[in-house]
PDBML (XML) file of the C-alpha atoms, coordinates in Angstrom:
<?xml version="1.0" encoding="UTF-8" ?>
<PDBx:datablock datablockName="MODEL"
   xmlns:PDBx="http://pdbml.pdb.org/schema/pdbx-v50.xsd"
   xmlns:xsi="http://www.w3.org/2001/XMLSchema-instance"
   xsi:schemaLocation="http://pdbml.pdb.org/schema/pdbx-v50.xsd pdbx-v50.xsd">
   <PDBx:atom_siteCategory>
      <PDBx:atom_site id="1">
         <PDBx:B_iso_or_equiv>0.00</PDBx:B_iso_or_equiv>
         <PDBx:Cartn_x>51.361</PDBx:Cartn_x>
         <PDBx:Cartn_y>-162.689</PDBx:Cartn_y>
         <PDBx:Cartn_z>-16.120</PDBx:Cartn_z>
         <PDBx:auth_asym_id>A</PDBx:auth_asym_id>
         <PDBx:auth_atom_id>CA</PDBx:auth_atom_id>
         <PDBx:auth_comp_id>UNK</PDBx:auth_comp_id>
         <PDBx:auth_seq_id>1</PDBx:auth_seq_id>
         <PDBx:group_PDB>ATOM</PDBx:group_PDB>
         <PDBx:label_alt_id xsi:nil="true" />
         <PDBx:label_asym_id>A</PDBx:label_asym_id>
         <PDBx:label_atom_id>CA</PDBx:label_atom_id>
         <PDBx:label_comp_id>UNK</PDBx:label_comp_id>
         <PDBx:label_entity_id>1</PDBx:label_entity_id>
         <PDBx:label_seq_id>1</PDBx:label_seq_id>
         <PDBx:occupancy>1.00</PDBx:occupancy>
         <PDBx:pdbx_PDB_model_num>1</PDBx:pdbx_PDB_model_num>
         <PDBx:type_symbol>C</PDBx:type_symbol>
      </PDBx:atom_site>
      <PDBx:atom_site id="2">
         <PDBx:B_iso_or_equiv>0.00</PDBx:B_iso_or_equiv>
         <PDBx:Cartn_x>54.142</PDBx:Cartn_x>
         <PDBx:Cartn_y>-163.677</PDBx:Cartn_y>
         <PDBx:Cartn_z>-18.844</PDBx:Cartn_z>
         <PDBx:auth_asym_id>A</PDBx:auth_asym_id>
         <PDBx:auth_atom_id>CA</PDBx:auth_atom_id>
         <PDBx:auth_comp_id>UNK</PDBx:auth_comp_id>
         <PDBx:auth_seq_id>2</PDBx:auth_seq_id>
         <PDBx:group_PDB>ATOM</PDBx:group_PDB>
         <PDBx:label_alt_id xsi:nil="true" />
         <PDBx:label_asym_id>A</PDBx:label_asym_id>
         <PDBx:label_atom_id>CA</PDBx:label_atom_id>
         <PDBx:label_comp_id>UNK</PDBx:label_comp_id>
         <PDBx:label_entity_id>1</PDBx:label_entity_id>
         <PDBx:label_seq_id>2</PDBx:label_seq_id>
         <PDBx:occupancy>1.00</PDBx:occupancy>
         <PDBx:pdbx_PDB_model_num>1</PDBx:pdbx_PDB_model_num>
         <PDBx:type_symbol>C</PDBx:type_symbol>
      </PDBx:atom_site>
      <PDBx:atom_site id="3">
         <PDBx:B_iso_or_equiv>0.00</PDBx:B_iso_or_equiv>
         <PDBx:Cartn_x>55.472</PDBx:Cartn_x>
         <PDBx:Cartn_y>-166.164</PDBx:Cartn_y>
         <PDBx:Cartn_z>-16.518</PDBx:Cartn_z>
         <PDBx:auth_asym_id>A</PDBx:auth_asym_id>
         <PDBx:auth_atom_id>CA</PDBx:auth_atom_id>
         <PDBx:auth_comp_id>UNK</PDBx:auth_comp_id>
         <PDBx:auth_seq_id>3</PDBx:auth_seq_id>
         <PDBx:group_PDB>ATOM</PDBx:group_PDB>
         <PDBx:label_alt_id xsi:nil="true" />
         <PDBx:label_asym_id>A</PDBx:label_asym_id>
         <PDBx:label_atom_id>CA</PDBx:label_atom_id>
         <PDBx:label_comp_id>UNK</PDBx:label_comp_id>
         <PDBx:label_entity_id>1</PDBx:label_entity_id>
         <PDBx:label_seq_id>3</PDBx:label_seq_id>
         <PDBx:occupancy>1.00</PDBx:occupancy>
         <PDBx:pdbx_PDB_model_num>1</PDBx:pdbx_PDB_model_num>
         <PDBx:type_symbol>C</PDBx:type_symbol>
      </PDBx:atom_site>
      <PDBx:atom_site id="4">
         <PDBx:B_iso_or_equiv>0.00</PDBx:B_iso_or_equiv>
         <PDBx:Cartn_x>52.247</PDBx:Cartn_x>
         <PDBx:Cartn_y>-168.341</PDBx:Cartn_y>
         <PDBx:Cartn_z>-16.406</PDBx:Cartn_z>
         <PDBx:auth_asym_id>A</PDBx:auth_asym_id>
         <PDBx:auth_atom_id>CA</PDBx:auth_atom_id>
         <PDBx:auth_comp_id>UNK</PDBx:auth_comp_id>
         <PDBx:auth_seq_id>4</PDBx:auth_seq_id>
         <PDBx:group_PDB>ATOM</PDBx:group_PDB>
         <PDBx:label_alt_id xsi:nil="true" />
         <PDBx:label_asym_id>A</PDBx:label_asym_id>
         <PDBx:label_atom_id>CA</PDBx:label_atom_id>
         <PDBx:label_comp_id>UNK</PDBx:label_comp_id>
         <PDBx:label_entity_id>1</PDBx:label_entity_id>
         <PDBx:label_seq_id>4</PDBx:label_seq_id>
         <PDBx:occupancy>1.00</PDBx:occupancy>
         <PDBx:pdbx_PDB_model_num>1</PDBx:pdbx_PDB_model_num>
         <PDBx:type_symbol>C</PDBx:type_symbol>
      </PDBx:atom_site>
      <PDBx:atom_site id="5">
         <PDBx:B_iso_or_equiv>0.00</PDBx:B_iso_or_equiv>
         <PDBx:Cartn_x>50.613</PDBx:Cartn_x>
         <PDBx:Cartn_y>-167.377</PDBx:Cartn_y>
         <PDBx:Cartn_z>-18.876</PDBx:Cartn_z>
         <PDBx:auth_asym_id>A</PDBx:auth_asym_id>
         <PDBx:auth_atom_id>CA</PDBx:auth_atom_id>
         <PDBx:auth_comp_id>UNK</PDBx:auth_comp_id>
         <PDBx:auth_seq_id>5</PDBx:auth_seq_id>
         <PDBx:group_PDB>ATOM</PDBx:group_PDB>
         <PDBx:label_alt_id xsi:nil="true" />
         <PDBx:label_asym_id>A</PDBx:label_asym_id>
         <PDBx:label_atom_id>CA</PDBx:label_atom_id>
         <PDBx:label_comp_id>UNK</PDBx:label_comp_id>
         <PDBx:label_entity_id>1</PDBx:label_entity_id>
         <PDBx:label_seq_id>5</PDBx:label_seq_id>
         <PDBx:occupancy>1.00</PDBx:occupancy>
         <PDBx:pdbx_PDB_model_num>1</PDBx:pdbx_PDB_model_num>
         <PDBx:type_symbol>C</PDBx:type_symbol>
      </PDBx:atom_site>
      <PDBx:atom_site id="6">
         <PDBx:B_iso_or_equiv>0.00</PDBx:B_iso_or_equiv>
         <PDBx:Cartn_x>51.454</PDBx:Cartn_x>
         <PDBx:Cartn_y>-170.348</PDBx:Cartn_y>
         <PDBx:Cartn_z>-20.853</PDBx:Cartn_z>
         <PDBx:auth_asym_id>A</PDBx:auth_asym_id>
         <PDBx:auth_atom_id>CA</PDBx:auth_atom_id>
         <PDBx:auth_comp_id>UNK</PDBx:auth_comp_id>
         <PDBx:auth_seq_id>6</PDBx:auth_seq_id>
         <PDBx:group_PDB>ATOM</PDBx:group_PDB>
         <PDBx:label_alt_id xsi:nil="true" />
         <PDBx:label_asym_id>A</PDBx:label_asym_id>
         <PDBx:label_atom_id>CA</PDBx:label_atom_id>
         <PDBx:label_comp_id>UNK</PDBx:label_comp_id>
         <PDBx:label_entity_id>1</PDBx:label_entity_id>
         <PDBx:label_seq_id>6</PDBx:label_seq_id>
         <PDBx:occupancy>1.00</PDBx:occupancy>
         <PDBx:pdbx_PDB_model_num>1</PDBx:pdbx_PDB_model_num>
         <PDBx:type_symbol>C</PDBx:type_symbol>
      </PDBx:atom_site>
      <PDBx:atom_site id="7">
         <PDBx:B_iso_or_equiv>0.00</PDBx:B_iso_or_equiv>
         <PDBx:Cartn_x>50.037</PDBx:Cartn_x>
         <PDBx:Cartn_y>-172.929</PDBx:Cartn_y>
         <PDBx:Cartn_z>-17.818</PDBx:Cartn_z>
         <PDBx:auth_asym_id>A</PDBx:auth_asym_id>
         <PDBx:auth_atom_id>CA</PDBx:auth_atom_id>
         <PDBx:auth_comp_id>UNK</PDBx:auth_comp_id>
         <PDBx:auth_seq_id>7</PDBx:auth_seq_id>
         <PDBx:group_PDB>ATOM</PDBx:group_PDB>
         <PDBx:label_alt_id xsi:nil="true" />
         <PDBx:label_asym_id>A</PDBx:label_asym_id>
         <PDBx:label_atom_id>CA</PDBx:label_atom_id>
         <PDBx:label_comp_id>UNK</PDBx:label_comp_id>
         <PDBx:label_entity_id>1</PDBx:label_entity_id>
         <PDBx:label_seq_id>7</PDBx:label_seq_id>
         <PDBx:occupancy>1.00</PDBx:occupancy>
         <PDBx:pdbx_PDB_model_num>1</PDBx:pdbx_PDB_model_num>
         <PDBx:type_symbol>C</PDBx:type_symbol>
      </PDBx:atom_site>
      <PDBx:atom_site id="8">
         <PDBx:B_iso_or_equiv>0.00</PDBx:B_iso_or_equiv>
         <PDBx:Cartn_x>46.647</PDBx:Cartn_x>
         <PDBx:Cartn_y>-170.449</PDBx:Cartn_y>
         <PDBx:Cartn_z>-17.887</PDBx:Cartn_z>
         <PDBx:auth_asym_id>A</PDBx:auth_asym_id>
         <PDBx:auth_atom_id>CA</PDBx:auth_atom_id>
         <PDBx:auth_comp_id>UNK</PDBx:auth_comp_id>
         <PDBx:auth_seq_id>8</PDBx:auth_seq_id>
         <PDBx:group_PDB>ATOM</PDBx:group_PDB>
         <PDBx:label_alt_id xsi:nil="true" />
         <PDBx:label_asym_id>A</PDBx:label_asym_id>
         <PDBx:label_atom_id>CA</PDBx:label_atom_id>
         <PDBx:label_comp_id>UNK</PDBx:label_comp_id>
         <PDBx:label_entity_id>1</PDBx:label_entity_id>
         <PDBx:label_seq_id>8</PDBx:label_seq_id>
         <PDBx:occupancy>1.00</PDBx:occupancy>
         <PDBx:pdbx_PDB_model_num>1</PDBx:pdbx_PDB_model_num>
         <PDBx:type_symbol>C</PDBx:type_symbol>
      </PDBx:atom_site>
      <PDBx:atom_site id="9">
         <PDBx:B_iso_or_equiv>0.00</PDBx:B_iso_or_equiv>
         <PDBx:Cartn_x>46.283</PDBx:Cartn_x>
         <PDBx:Cartn_y>-171.333</PDBx:Cartn_y>
         <PDBx:Cartn_z>-21.909</PDBx:Cartn_z>
         <PDBx:auth_asym_id>A</PDBx:auth_asym_id>
         <PDBx:auth_atom_id>CA</PDBx:auth_atom_id>
         <PDBx:auth_comp_id>UNK</PDBx:auth_comp_id>
         <PDBx:auth_seq_id>9</PDBx:auth_seq_id>
         <PDBx:group_PDB>ATOM</PDBx:group_PDB>
         <PDBx:label_alt_id xsi:nil="true" />
         <PDBx:label_asym_id>A</PDBx:label_asym_id>
         <PDBx:label_atom_id>CA</PDBx:label_atom_id>
         <PDBx:label_comp_id>UNK</PDBx:label_comp_id>
         <PDBx:label_entity_id>1</PDBx:label_entity_id>
         <PDBx:label_seq_id>9</PDBx:label_seq_id>
         <PDBx:occupancy>1.00</PDBx:occupancy>
         <PDBx:pdbx_PDB_model_num>1</PDBx:pdbx_PDB_model_num>
         <PDBx:type_symbol>C</PDBx:type_symbol>
      </PDBx:atom_site>
      <PDBx:atom_site id="10">
         <PDBx:B_iso_or_equiv>0.00</PDBx:B_iso_or_equiv>
         <PDBx:Cartn_x>43.151</PDBx:Cartn_x>
         <PDBx:Cartn_y>-172.909</PDBx:Cartn_y>
         <PDBx:Cartn_z>-22.332</PDBx:Cartn_z>
         <PDBx:auth_asym_id>A</PDBx:auth_asym_id>
         <PDBx:auth_atom_id>CA</PDBx:auth_atom_id>
         <PDBx:auth_comp_id>UNK</PDBx:auth_comp_id>
         <PDBx:auth_seq_id>10</PDBx:auth_seq_id>
         <PDBx:group_PDB>ATOM</PDBx:group_PDB>
         <PDBx:label_alt_id xsi:nil="true" />
         <PDBx:label_asym_id>A</PDBx:label_asym_id>
         <PDBx:label_atom_id>CA</PDBx:label_atom_id>
         <PDBx:label_comp_id>UNK</PDBx:label_comp_id>
         <PDBx:label_entity_id>1</PDBx:label_entity_id>
         <PDBx:label_seq_id>10</PDBx:label_seq_id>
         <PDBx:occupancy>1.00</PDBx:occupancy>
         <PDBx:pdbx_PDB_model_num>1</PDBx:pdbx_PDB_model_num>
         <PDBx:type_symbol>C</PDBx:type_symbol>
      </PDBx:atom_site>
      <PDBx:atom_site id="11">
         <PDBx:B_iso_or_equiv>0.00</PDBx:B_iso_or_equiv>
         <PDBx:Cartn_x>40.792</PDBx:Cartn_x>
         <PDBx:Cartn_y>-172.675</PDBx:Cartn_y>
         <PDBx:Cartn_z>-19.192</PDBx:Cartn_z>
         <PDBx:auth_asym_id>A</PDBx:auth_asym_id>
         <PDBx:auth_atom_id>CA</PDBx:auth_atom_id>
         <PDBx:auth_comp_id>UNK</PDBx:auth_comp_id>
         <PDBx:auth_seq_id>11</PDBx:auth_seq_id>
         <PDBx:group_PDB>ATOM</PDBx:group_PDB>
         <PDBx:label_alt_id xsi:nil="true" />
         <PDBx:label_asym_id>A</PDBx:label_asym_id>
         <PDBx:label_atom_id>CA</PDBx:label_atom_id>
         <PDBx:label_comp_id>UNK</PDBx:label_comp_id>
         <PDBx:label_entity_id>1</PDBx:label_entity_id>
         <PDBx:label_seq_id>11</PDBx:label_seq_id>
         <PDBx:occupancy>1.00</PDBx:occupancy>
         <PDBx:pdbx_PDB_model_num>1</PDBx:pdbx_PDB_model_num>
         <PDBx:type_symbol>C</PDBx:type_symbol>
      </PDBx:atom_site>
      <PDBx:atom_site id="12">
         <PDBx:B_iso_or_equiv>0.00</PDBx:B_iso_or_equiv>
         <PDBx:Cartn_x>39.005</PDBx:Cartn_x>
         <PDBx:Cartn_y>-169.909</PDBx:Cartn_y>
         <PDBx:Cartn_z>-18.467</PDBx:Cartn_z>
         <PDBx:auth_asym_id>A</PDBx:auth_asym_id>
         <PDBx:auth_atom_id>CA</PDBx:auth_atom_id>
         <PDBx:auth_comp_id>UNK</PDBx:auth_comp_id>
         <PDBx:auth_seq_id>12</PDBx:auth_seq_id>
         <PDBx:group_PDB>ATOM</PDBx:group_PDB>
         <PDBx:label_alt_id xsi:nil="true" />
         <PDBx:label_asym_id>A</PDBx:label_asym_id>
         <PDBx:label_atom_id>CA</PDBx:label_atom_id>
         <PDBx:label_comp_id>UNK</PDBx:label_comp_id>
         <PDBx:label_entity_id>1</PDBx:label_entity_id>
         <PDBx:label_seq_id>12</PDBx:label_seq_id>
         <PDBx:occupancy>1.00</PDBx:occupancy>
         <PDBx:pdbx_PDB_model_num>1</PDBx:pdbx_PDB_model_num>
         <PDBx:type_symbol>C</PDBx:type_symbol>
      </PDBx:atom_site>
      <PDBx:atom_site id="13">
         <PDBx:B_iso_or_equiv>0.00</PDBx:B_iso_or_equiv>
         <PDBx:Cartn_x>41.837</PDBx:Cartn_x>
         <PDBx:Cartn_y>-168.356</PDBx:Cartn_y>
         <PDBx:Cartn_z>-16.342</PDBx:Cartn_z>
         <PDBx:auth_asym_id>A</PDBx:auth_asym_id>
         <PDBx:auth_atom_id>CA</PDBx:auth_atom_id>
         <PDBx:auth_comp_id>UNK</PDBx:auth_comp_id>
         <PDBx:auth_seq_id>13</PDBx:auth_seq_id>
         <PDBx:group_PDB>ATOM</PDBx:group_PDB>
         <PDBx:label_alt_id xsi:nil="true" />
         <PDBx:label_asym_id>A</PDBx:label_asym_id>
         <PDBx:label_atom_id>CA</PDBx:label_atom_id>
         <PDBx:label_comp_id>UNK</PDBx:label_comp_id>
         <PDBx:label_entity_id>1</PDBx:label_entity_id>
         <PDBx:label_seq_id>13</PDBx:label_seq_id>
         <PDBx:occupancy>1.00</PDBx:occupancy>
         <PDBx:pdbx_PDB_model_num>1</PDBx:pdbx_PDB_model_num>
         <PDBx:type_symbol>C</PDBx:type_symbol>
      </PDBx:atom_site>
      <PDBx:atom_site id="14">
         <PDBx:B_iso_or_equiv>0.00</PDBx:B_iso_or_equiv>
         <PDBx:Cartn_x>43.485</PDBx:Cartn_x>
         <PDBx:Cartn_y>-167.330</PDBx:Cartn_y>
         <PDBx:Cartn_z>-19.680</PDBx:Cartn_z>
         <PDBx:auth_asym_id>A</PDBx:auth_asym_id>
         <PDBx:auth_atom_id>CA</PDBx:auth_atom_id>
         <PDBx:auth_comp_id>UNK</PDBx:auth_comp_id>
         <PDBx:auth_seq_id>14</PDBx:auth_seq_id>
         <PDBx:group_PDB>ATOM</PDBx:group_PDB>
         <PDBx:label_alt_id xsi:nil="true" />
         <PDBx:label_asym_id>A</PDBx:label_asym_id>
         <PDBx:label_atom_id>CA</PDBx:label_atom_id>
         <PDBx:label_comp_id>UNK</PDBx:label_comp_id>
         <PDBx:label_entity_id>1</PDBx:label_entity_id>
         <PDBx:label_seq_id>14</PDBx:label_seq_id>
         <PDBx:occupancy>1.00</PDBx:occupancy>
         <PDBx:pdbx_PDB_model_num>1</PDBx:pdbx_PDB_model_num>
         <PDBx:type_symbol>C</PDBx:type_symbol>
      </PDBx:atom_site>
      <PDBx:atom_site id="15">
         <PDBx:B_iso_or_equiv>0.00</PDBx:B_iso_or_equiv>
         <PDBx:Cartn_x>40.667</PDBx:Cartn_x>
         <PDBx:Cartn_y>-164.266</PDBx:Cartn_y>
         <PDBx:Cartn_z>-20.047</PDBx:Cartn_z>
         <PDBx:auth_asym_id>A</PDBx:auth_asym_id>
         <PDBx:auth_atom_id>CA</PDBx:auth_atom_id>
         <PDBx:auth_comp_id>UNK</PDBx:auth_comp_id>
         <PDBx:auth_seq_id>15</PDBx:auth_seq_id>
         <PDBx:group_PDB>ATOM</PDBx:group_PDB>
         <PDBx:label_alt_id xsi:nil="true" />
         <PDBx:label_asym_id>A</PDBx:label_asym_id>
         <PDBx:label_atom_id>CA</PDBx:label_atom_id>
         <PDBx:label_comp_id>UNK</PDBx:label_comp_id>
         <PDBx:label_entity_id>1</PDBx:label_entity_id>
         <PDBx:label_seq_id>15</PDBx:label_seq_id>
         <PDBx:occupancy>1.00</PDBx:occupancy>
         <PDBx:pdbx_PDB_model_num>1</PDBx:pdbx_PDB_model_num>
         <PDBx:type_symbol>C</PDBx:type_symbol>
      </PDBx:atom_site>
      <PDBx:atom_site id="16">
         <PDBx:B_iso_or_equiv>0.00</PDBx:B_iso_or_equiv>
         <PDBx:Cartn_x>41.703</PDBx:Cartn_x>
         <PDBx:Cartn_y>-163.510</PDBx:Cartn_y>
         <PDBx:Cartn_z>-16.922</PDBx:Cartn_z>
         <PDBx:auth_asym_id>A</PDBx:auth_asym_id>
         <PDBx:auth_atom_id>CA</PDBx:auth_atom_id>
         <PDBx:auth_comp_id>UNK</PDBx:auth_comp_id>
         <PDBx:auth_seq_id>16</PDBx:auth_seq_id>
         <PDBx:group_PDB>ATOM</PDBx:group_PDB>
         <PDBx:label_alt_id xsi:nil="true" />
         <PDBx:label_asym_id>A</PDBx:label_asym_id>
         <PDBx:label_atom_id>CA</PDBx:label_atom_id>
         <PDBx:label_comp_id>UNK</PDBx:label_comp_id>
         <PDBx:label_entity_id>1</PDBx:label_entity_id>
         <PDBx:label_seq_id>16</PDBx:label_seq_id>
         <PDBx:occupancy>1.00</PDBx:occupancy>
         <PDBx:pdbx_PDB_model_num>1</PDBx:pdbx_PDB_model_num>
         <PDBx:type_symbol>C</PDBx:type_symbol>
      </PDBx:atom_site>
      <PDBx:atom_site id="17">
         <PDBx:B_iso_or_equiv>0.00</PDBx:B_iso_or_equiv>
         <PDBx:Cartn_x>45.539</PDBx:Cartn_x>
         <PDBx:Cartn_y>-162.644</PDBx:Cartn_y>
         <PDBx:Cartn_z>-18.254</PDBx:Cartn_z>
         <PDBx:auth_asym_id>A</PDBx:auth_asym_id>
         <PDBx:auth_atom_id>CA</PDBx:auth_atom_id>
         <PDBx:auth_comp_id>UNK</PDBx:auth_comp_id>
         <PDBx:auth_seq_id>17</PDBx:auth_seq_id>
         <PDBx:group_PDB>ATOM</PDBx:group_PDB>
         <PDBx:label_alt_id xsi:nil="true" />
         <PDBx:label_asym_id>A</PDBx:label_asym_id>
         <PDBx:label_atom_id>CA</PDBx:label_atom_id>
         <PDBx:label_comp_id>UNK</PDBx:label_comp_id>
         <PDBx:label_entity_id>1</PDBx:label_entity_id>
         <PDBx:label_seq_id>17</PDBx:label_seq_id>
         <PDBx:occupancy>1.00</PDBx:occupancy>
         <PDBx:pdbx_PDB_model_num>1</PDBx:pdbx_PDB_model_num>
         <PDBx:type_symbol>C</PDBx:type_symbol>
      </PDBx:atom_site>
      <PDBx:atom_site id="18">
         <PDBx:B_iso_or_equiv>0.00</PDBx:B_iso_or_equiv>
         <PDBx:Cartn_x>45.020</PDBx:Cartn_x>
         <PDBx:Cartn_y>-161.828</PDBx:Cartn_y>
         <PDBx:Cartn_z>-21.175</PDBx:Cartn_z>
         <PDBx:auth_asym_id>A</PDBx:auth_asym_id>
         <PDBx:auth_atom_id>CA</PDBx:auth_atom_id>
         <PDBx:auth_comp_id>UNK</PDBx:auth_comp_id>
         <PDBx:auth_seq_id>18</PDBx:auth_seq_id>
         <PDBx:group_PDB>ATOM</PDBx:group_PDB>
         <PDBx:label_alt_id xsi:nil="true" />
         <PDBx:label_asym_id>A</PDBx:label_asym_id>
         <PDBx:label_atom_id>CA</PDBx:label_atom_id>
         <PDBx:label_comp_id>UNK</PDBx:label_comp_id>
         <PDBx:label_entity_id>1</PDBx:label_entity_id>
         <PDBx:label_seq_id>18</PDBx:label_seq_id>
         <PDBx:occupancy>1.00</PDBx:occupancy>
         <PDBx:pdbx_PDB_model_num>1</PDBx:pdbx_PDB_model_num>
         <PDBx:type_symbol>C</PDBx:type_symbol>
      </PDBx:atom_site>
      <PDBx:atom_site id="19">
         <PDBx:B_iso_or_equiv>0.00</PDBx:B_iso_or_equiv>
         <PDBx:Cartn_x>42.705</PDBx:Cartn_x>
         <PDBx:Cartn_y>-158.942</PDBx:Cartn_y>
         <PDBx:Cartn_z>-19.074</PDBx:Cartn_z>
         <PDBx:auth_asym_id>A</PDBx:auth_asym_id>
         <PDBx:auth_atom_id>CA</PDBx:auth_atom_id>
         <PDBx:auth_comp_id>UNK</PDBx:auth_comp_id>
         <PDBx:auth_seq_id>19</PDBx:auth_seq_id>
         <PDBx:group_PDB>ATOM</PDBx:group_PDB>
         <PDBx:label_alt_id xsi:nil="true" />
         <PDBx:label_asym_id>A</PDBx:label_asym_id>
         <PDBx:label_atom_id>CA</PDBx:label_atom_id>
         <PDBx:label_comp_id>UNK</PDBx:label_comp_id>
         <PDBx:label_entity_id>1</PDBx:label_entity_id>
         <PDBx:label_seq_id>19</PDBx:label_seq_id>
         <PDBx:occupancy>1.00</PDBx:occupancy>
         <PDBx:pdbx_PDB_model_num>1</PDBx:pdbx_PDB_model_num>
         <PDBx:type_symbol>C</PDBx:type_symbol>
      </PDBx:atom_site>
      <PDBx:atom_site id="20">
         <PDBx:B_iso_or_equiv>0.00</PDBx:B_iso_or_equiv>
         <PDBx:Cartn_x>45.168</PDBx:Cartn_x>
         <PDBx:Cartn_y>-158.192</PDBx:Cartn_y>
         <PDBx:Cartn_z>-16.929</PDBx:Cartn_z>
         <PDBx:auth_asym_id>A</PDBx:auth_asym_id>
         <PDBx:auth_atom_id>CA</PDBx:auth_atom_id>
         <PDBx:auth_comp_id>UNK</PDBx:auth_comp_id>
         <PDBx:auth_seq_id>20</PDBx:auth_seq_id>
         <PDBx:group_PDB>ATOM</PDBx:group_PDB>
         <PDBx:label_alt_id xsi:nil="true" />
         <PDBx:label_asym_id>A</PDBx:label_asym_id>
         <PDBx:label_atom_id>CA</PDBx:label_atom_id>
         <PDBx:label_comp_id>UNK</PDBx:label_comp_id>
         <PDBx:label_entity_id>1</PDBx:label_entity_id>
         <PDBx:label_seq_id>20</PDBx:label_seq_id>
         <PDBx:occupancy>1.00</PDBx:occupancy>
         <PDBx:pdbx_PDB_model_num>1</PDBx:pdbx_PDB_model_num>
         <PDBx:type_symbol>C</PDBx:type_symbol>
      </PDBx:atom_site>
      <PDBx:atom_site id="21">
         <PDBx:B_iso_or_equiv>0.00</PDBx:B_iso_or_equiv>
         <PDBx:Cartn_x>48.061</PDBx:Cartn_x>
         <PDBx:Cartn_y>-157.775</PDBx:Cartn_y>
         <PDBx:Cartn_z>-18.845</PDBx:Cartn_z>
         <PDBx:auth_asym_id>A</PDBx:auth_asym_id>
         <PDBx:auth_atom_id>CA</PDBx:auth_atom_id>
         <PDBx:auth_comp_id>UNK</PDBx:auth_comp_id>
         <PDBx:auth_seq_id>21</PDBx:auth_seq_id>
         <PDBx:group_PDB>ATOM</PDBx:group_PDB>
         <PDBx:label_alt_id xsi:nil="true" />
         <PDBx:label_asym_id>A</PDBx:label_asym_id>
         <PDBx:label_atom_id>CA</PDBx:label_atom_id>
         <PDBx:label_comp_id>UNK</PDBx:label_comp_id>
         <PDBx:label_entity_id>1</PDBx:label_entity_id>
         <PDBx:label_seq_id>21</PDBx:label_seq_id>
         <PDBx:occupancy>1.00</PDBx:occupancy>
         <PDBx:pdbx_PDB_model_num>1</PDBx:pdbx_PDB_model_num>
         <PDBx:type_symbol>C</PDBx:type_symbol>
      </PDBx:atom_site>
      <PDBx:atom_site id="22">
         <PDBx:B_iso_or_equiv>0.00</PDBx:B_iso_or_equiv>
         <PDBx:Cartn_x>46.085</PDBx:Cartn_x>
         <PDBx:Cartn_y>-156.120</PDBx:Cartn_y>
         <PDBx:Cartn_z>-21.628</PDBx:Cartn_z>
         <PDBx:auth_asym_id>A</PDBx:auth_asym_id>
         <PDBx:auth_atom_id>CA</PDBx:auth_atom_id>
         <PDBx:auth_comp_id>UNK</PDBx:auth_comp_id>
         <PDBx:auth_seq_id>22</PDBx:auth_seq_id>
         <PDBx:group_PDB>ATOM</PDBx:group_PDB>
         <PDBx:label_alt_id xsi:nil="true" />
         <PDBx:label_asym_id>A</PDBx:label_asym_id>
         <PDBx:label_atom_id>CA</PDBx:label_atom_id>
         <PDBx:label_comp_id>UNK</PDBx:label_comp_id>
         <PDBx:label_entity_id>1</PDBx:label_entity_id>
         <PDBx:label_seq_id>22</PDBx:label_seq_id>
         <PDBx:occupancy>1.00</PDBx:occupancy>
         <PDBx:pdbx_PDB_model_num>1</PDBx:pdbx_PDB_model_num>
         <PDBx:type_symbol>C</PDBx:type_symbol>
      </PDBx:atom_site>
      <PDBx:atom_site id="23">
         <PDBx:B_iso_or_equiv>0.00</PDBx:B_iso_or_equiv>
         <PDBx:Cartn_x>45.343</PDBx:Cartn_x>
         <PDBx:Cartn_y>-153.144</PDBx:Cartn_y>
         <PDBx:Cartn_z>-18.396</PDBx:Cartn_z>
         <PDBx:auth_asym_id>A</PDBx:auth_asym_id>
         <PDBx:auth_atom_id>CA</PDBx:auth_atom_id>
         <PDBx:auth_comp_id>UNK</PDBx:auth_comp_id>
         <PDBx:auth_seq_id>23</PDBx:auth_seq_id>
         <PDBx:group_PDB>ATOM</PDBx:group_PDB>
         <PDBx:label_alt_id xsi:nil="true" />
         <PDBx:label_asym_id>A</PDBx:label_asym_id>
         <PDBx:label_atom_id>CA</PDBx:label_atom_id>
         <PDBx:label_comp_id>UNK</PDBx:label_comp_id>
         <PDBx:label_entity_id>1</PDBx:label_entity_id>
         <PDBx:label_seq_id>23</PDBx:label_seq_id>
         <PDBx:occupancy>1.00</PDBx:occupancy>
         <PDBx:pdbx_PDB_model_num>1</PDBx:pdbx_PDB_model_num>
         <PDBx:type_symbol>C</PDBx:type_symbol>
      </PDBx:atom_site>
      <PDBx:atom_site id="24">
         <PDBx:B_iso_or_equiv>0.00</PDBx:B_iso_or_equiv>
         <PDBx:Cartn_x>49.211</PDBx:Cartn_x>
         <PDBx:Cartn_y>-152.896</PDBx:Cartn_y>
         <PDBx:Cartn_z>-17.931</PDBx:Cartn_z>
         <PDBx:auth_asym_id>A</PDBx:auth_asym_id>
         <PDBx:auth_atom_id>CA</PDBx:auth_atom_id>
         <PDBx:auth_comp_id>UNK</PDBx:auth_comp_id>
         <PDBx:auth_seq_id>24</PDBx:auth_seq_id>
         <PDBx:group_PDB>ATOM</PDBx:group_PDB>
         <PDBx:label_alt_id xsi:nil="true" />
         <PDBx:label_asym_id>A</PDBx:label_asym_id>
         <PDBx:label_atom_id>CA</PDBx:label_atom_id>
         <PDBx:label_comp_id>UNK</PDBx:label_comp_id>
         <PDBx:label_entity_id>1</PDBx:label_entity_id>
         <PDBx:label_seq_id>24</PDBx:label_seq_id>
         <PDBx:occupancy>1.00</PDBx:occupancy>
         <PDBx:pdbx_PDB_model_num>1</PDBx:pdbx_PDB_model_num>
         <PDBx:type_symbol>C</PDBx:type_symbol>
      </PDBx:atom_site>
      <PDBx:atom_site id="25">
         <PDBx:B_iso_or_equiv>0.00</PDBx:B_iso_or_equiv>
         <PDBx:Cartn_x>49.869</PDBx:Cartn_x>
         <PDBx:Cartn_y>-152.653</PDBx:Cartn_y>
         <PDBx:Cartn_z>-21.311</PDBx:Cartn_z>
         <PDBx:auth_asym_id>A</PDBx:auth_asym_id>
         <PDBx:auth_atom_id>CA</PDBx:auth_atom_id>
         <PDBx:auth_comp_id>UNK</PDBx:auth_comp_id>
         <PDBx:auth_seq_id>25</PDBx:auth_seq_id>
         <PDBx:group_PDB>ATOM</PDBx:group_PDB>
         <PDBx:label_alt_id xsi:nil="true" />
         <PDBx:label_asym_id>A</PDBx:label_asym_id>
         <PDBx:label_atom_id>CA</PDBx:label_atom_id>
         <PDBx:label_comp_id>UNK</PDBx:label_comp_id>
         <PDBx:label_entity_id>1</PDBx:label_entity_id>
         <PDBx:label_seq_id>25</PDBx:label_seq_id>
         <PDBx:occupancy>1.00</PDBx:occupancy>
         <PDBx:pdbx_PDB_model_num>1</PDBx:pdbx_PDB_model_num>
         <PDBx:type_symbol>C</PDBx:type_symbol>
      </PDBx:atom_site>
   </PDBx:atom_siteCategory>
</PDBx:datablock>
């Protein structure tokens, strides 16, 4: 998630990366 988060920025997948990271933390 952290390694690829910048690639997701600006796409609708950005919200999924945020969701996954927040779930963990």
